C-alpha atoms as a PDB file:
ATOM      1  CA  MET A   1       0.036   0.049  -0.137  1.00  0.00           C
ATOM      2  CA  ALA A   2       1.429   3.251  -0.975  1.00  0.00           C
ATOM      3  CA  ALA A   3       2.234   5.824   1.700  1.00  0.00           C
ATOM      4  CA  GLY A   4      -0.527   8.253   0.870  1.00  0.00           C
ATOM      5  CA  SER A   5      -3.125   5.484   0.813  1.00  0.00           C
ATOM      6  CA  LYS A   6      -1.645   4.576   4.273  1.00  0.00           C
ATOM      7  CA  LYS A   7      -2.225   7.923   5.625  1.00  0.00           C
ATOM      8  CA  GLN A   8      -5.563   8.377   4.090  1.00  0.00           C
ATOM      9  CA  ALA A   9      -6.750   4.875   5.442  1.00  0.00           C
ATOM     10  CA  ALA A  10      -5.483   6.335   9.071  1.00  0.00           C
ATOM     11  CA  GLN A  11      -7.673   9.552   8.733  1.00  0.00           C
ATOM     12  CA  GLU A  12     -10.656   7.542   8.134  1.00  0.00           C
ATOM     13  CA  ASN A  13     -10.045   5.423  11.263  1.00  0.00           C
ATOM     14  CA  ASP A  14      -9.640   8.506  13.101  1.00  0.00           C
ATOM     15  CA  LYS A  15     -12.540   9.979  11.858  1.00  0.00           C
ATOM     16  CA  GLU A  16     -14.927   6.759  12.654  1.00  0.00           C
ATOM     17  CA  SER A  17     -13.267   6.401  16.115  1.00  0.00           C
ATOM     18  CA  ARG A  18     -14.678  10.148  17.232  1.00  0.00           C
ATOM     19  CA  SER A  19     -17.043  10.067  19.097  1.00  0.00           C
ATOM     20  CA  LEU A  20     -20.233  12.295  18.970  1.00  0.00           C
ATOM     21  CA  GLU A  21     -19.354  14.109  22.065  1.00  0.00           C
ATOM     22  CA  GLU A  22     -15.879  14.853  21.004  1.00  0.00           C
ATOM     23  CA  MET A  23     -17.305  16.238  17.647  1.00  0.00           C
ATOM     24  CA  LEU A  24     -20.015  18.227  19.818  1.00  0.00           C
ATOM     25  CA  ASP A  25     -17.333  19.658  22.092  1.00  0.00           C
ATOM     26  CA  GLU A  26     -14.821  20.917  19.340  1.00  0.00           C
ATOM     27  CA  ILE A  27     -17.842  22.647  17.574  1.00  0.00           C
ATOM     28  CA  ASP A  28     -18.607  24.053  20.909  1.00  0.00           C
ATOM     29  CA  GLU A  29     -14.807  25.578  21.153  1.00  0.00           C
ATOM     30  CA  ILE A  30     -15.255  26.823  17.588  1.00  0.00           C
ATOM     31  CA  VAL A  31     -18.260  28.584  18.431  1.00  0.00           C
ATOM     32  CA  GLU A  32     -16.335  29.956  21.294  1.00  0.00           C
ATOM     33  CA  LYS A  33     -13.576  31.263  19.048  1.00  0.00           C
ATOM     34  CA  LEU A  34     -15.687  32.640  16.372  1.00  0.00           C
ATOM     35  CA  ASP A  35     -17.579  34.961  19.108  1.00  0.00           C
ATOM     36  CA  ASP A  36     -14.212  36.803  19.495  1.00  0.00           C
ATOM     37  CA  GLU A  37     -14.601  39.946  17.637  1.00  0.00           C
ATOM     38  CA  ASP A  38     -10.568  40.124  17.206  1.00  0.00           C
ATOM     39  CA  LEU A  39     -10.689  36.977  15.334  1.00  0.00           C
ATOM     40  CA  PRO A  40      -8.770  37.156  11.791  1.00  0.00           C
ATOM     41  CA  LEU A  41     -10.951  36.805   8.796  1.00  0.00           C
ATOM     42  CA  ASP A  42      -8.991  34.052   7.524  1.00  0.00           C
ATOM     43  CA  GLU A  43      -9.087  32.027  10.802  1.00  0.00           C
ATOM     44  CA  ALA A  44     -12.597  32.726  11.331  1.00  0.00           C
ATOM     45  CA  PHE A  45     -13.310  31.355   7.944  1.00  0.00           C
ATOM     46  CA  ALA A  46     -10.972  28.215   8.386  1.00  0.00           C
ATOM     47  CA  LEU A  47     -12.613  27.831  11.833  1.00  0.00           C
ATOM     48  CA  TYR A  48     -16.434  28.070  10.225  1.00  0.00           C
ATOM     49  CA  SER A  49     -15.148  25.524   7.376  1.00  0.00           C
ATOM     50  CA  ARG A  50     -14.191  22.977  10.120  1.00  0.00           C
ATOM     51  CA  GLY A  51     -17.694  23.462  12.185  1.00  0.00           C
ATOM     52  CA  VAL A  52     -19.594  22.945   8.950  1.00  0.00           C
ATOM     53  CA  LYS A  53     -17.717  19.497   8.501  1.00  0.00           C
ATOM     54  CA  LEU A  54     -18.001  18.841  12.021  1.00  0.00           C
ATOM     55  CA  THR A  55     -21.421  19.179  11.843  1.00  0.00           C
ATOM     56  CA  GLU A  56     -22.165  17.135   8.641  1.00  0.00           C
ATOM     57  CA  GLU A  57     -20.162  14.544  10.324  1.00  0.00           C
ATOM     58  CA  SER A  58     -22.026  14.701  13.563  1.00  0.00           C
ATOM     59  CA  SER A  59     -25.323  14.523  11.602  1.00  0.00           C
ATOM     60  CA  ARG A  60     -24.367  11.379   9.791  1.00  0.00           C
ATOM     61  CA  SER A  61     -23.233   9.986  13.008  1.00  0.00           C
ATOM     62  CA  ILE A  62     -26.809  10.476  14.702  1.00  0.00           C
ATOM     63  CA  ASP A  63     -28.224   8.965  11.403  1.00  0.00           C
ATOM     64  CA  ARG A  64     -26.359   5.818  11.737  1.00  0.00           C
ATOM     65  CA  VAL A  65     -27.496   5.472  15.040  1.00  0.00           C
ATOM     66  CA  GLU A  66     -31.364   6.415  14.494  1.00  0.00           C
ATOM     67  CA  LYS A  67     -31.103   3.790  11.876  1.00  0.00           C
ATOM     68  CA  LYS A  68     -29.857   1.138  14.004  1.00  0.00           C
ATOM     69  CA  VAL A  69     -32.357   2.031  16.686  1.00  0.00           C
ATOM     70  CA  GLN A  70     -35.148   1.687  14.103  1.00  0.00           C
ATOM     71  CA  LYS A  71     -33.802  -1.673  12.806  1.00  0.00           C
ATOM     72  CA  LEU A  72     -33.958  -2.677  16.491  1.00  0.00           C
ATOM     73  CA  MET A  73     -37.578  -1.453  17.175  1.00  0.00           C
ATOM     74  CA  ASP A  74     -38.521  -3.171  13.781  1.00  0.00           C
ATOM     75  CA  ASP A  75     -37.063  -6.459  14.772  1.00  0.00           C
ATOM     76  CA  GLY A  76     -38.835  -6.444  17.986  1.00  0.00           C
ATOM     77  CA  SER A  77     -35.958  -6.823  19.623  1.00  0.00           C
ATOM     78  CA  THR A  78     -36.290  -4.009  22.101  1.00  0.00           C
ATOM     79  CA  GLU A  79     -38.841  -2.184  24.290  1.00  0.00           C
ATOM     80  CA  ASP A  80     -40.650   0.797  23.582  1.00  0.00           C
ATOM     81  CA  PHE A  81     -38.632   4.133  24.281  1.00  0.00           C
ATOM     82  CA  ASP A  82     -41.407   5.918  25.583  1.00  0.00           C
END
């Protein structure tokens, strides 16, 4: 496997291993930094872009969990969550 491919595979594994809580914590940190009025525009844009990516990744993670829960409920293998 080429060095670039190994690096890309490692990055994908890191992405998958990040917990939803870690992603949400990082989003909170980004929001706090963006609240700083003295933040240079280029840094603010980079933080904003990172926040958007994390939000999308978090949404996909939540969607996967919702699908798993729905499958469990459809299979009748869990109790009602109400």
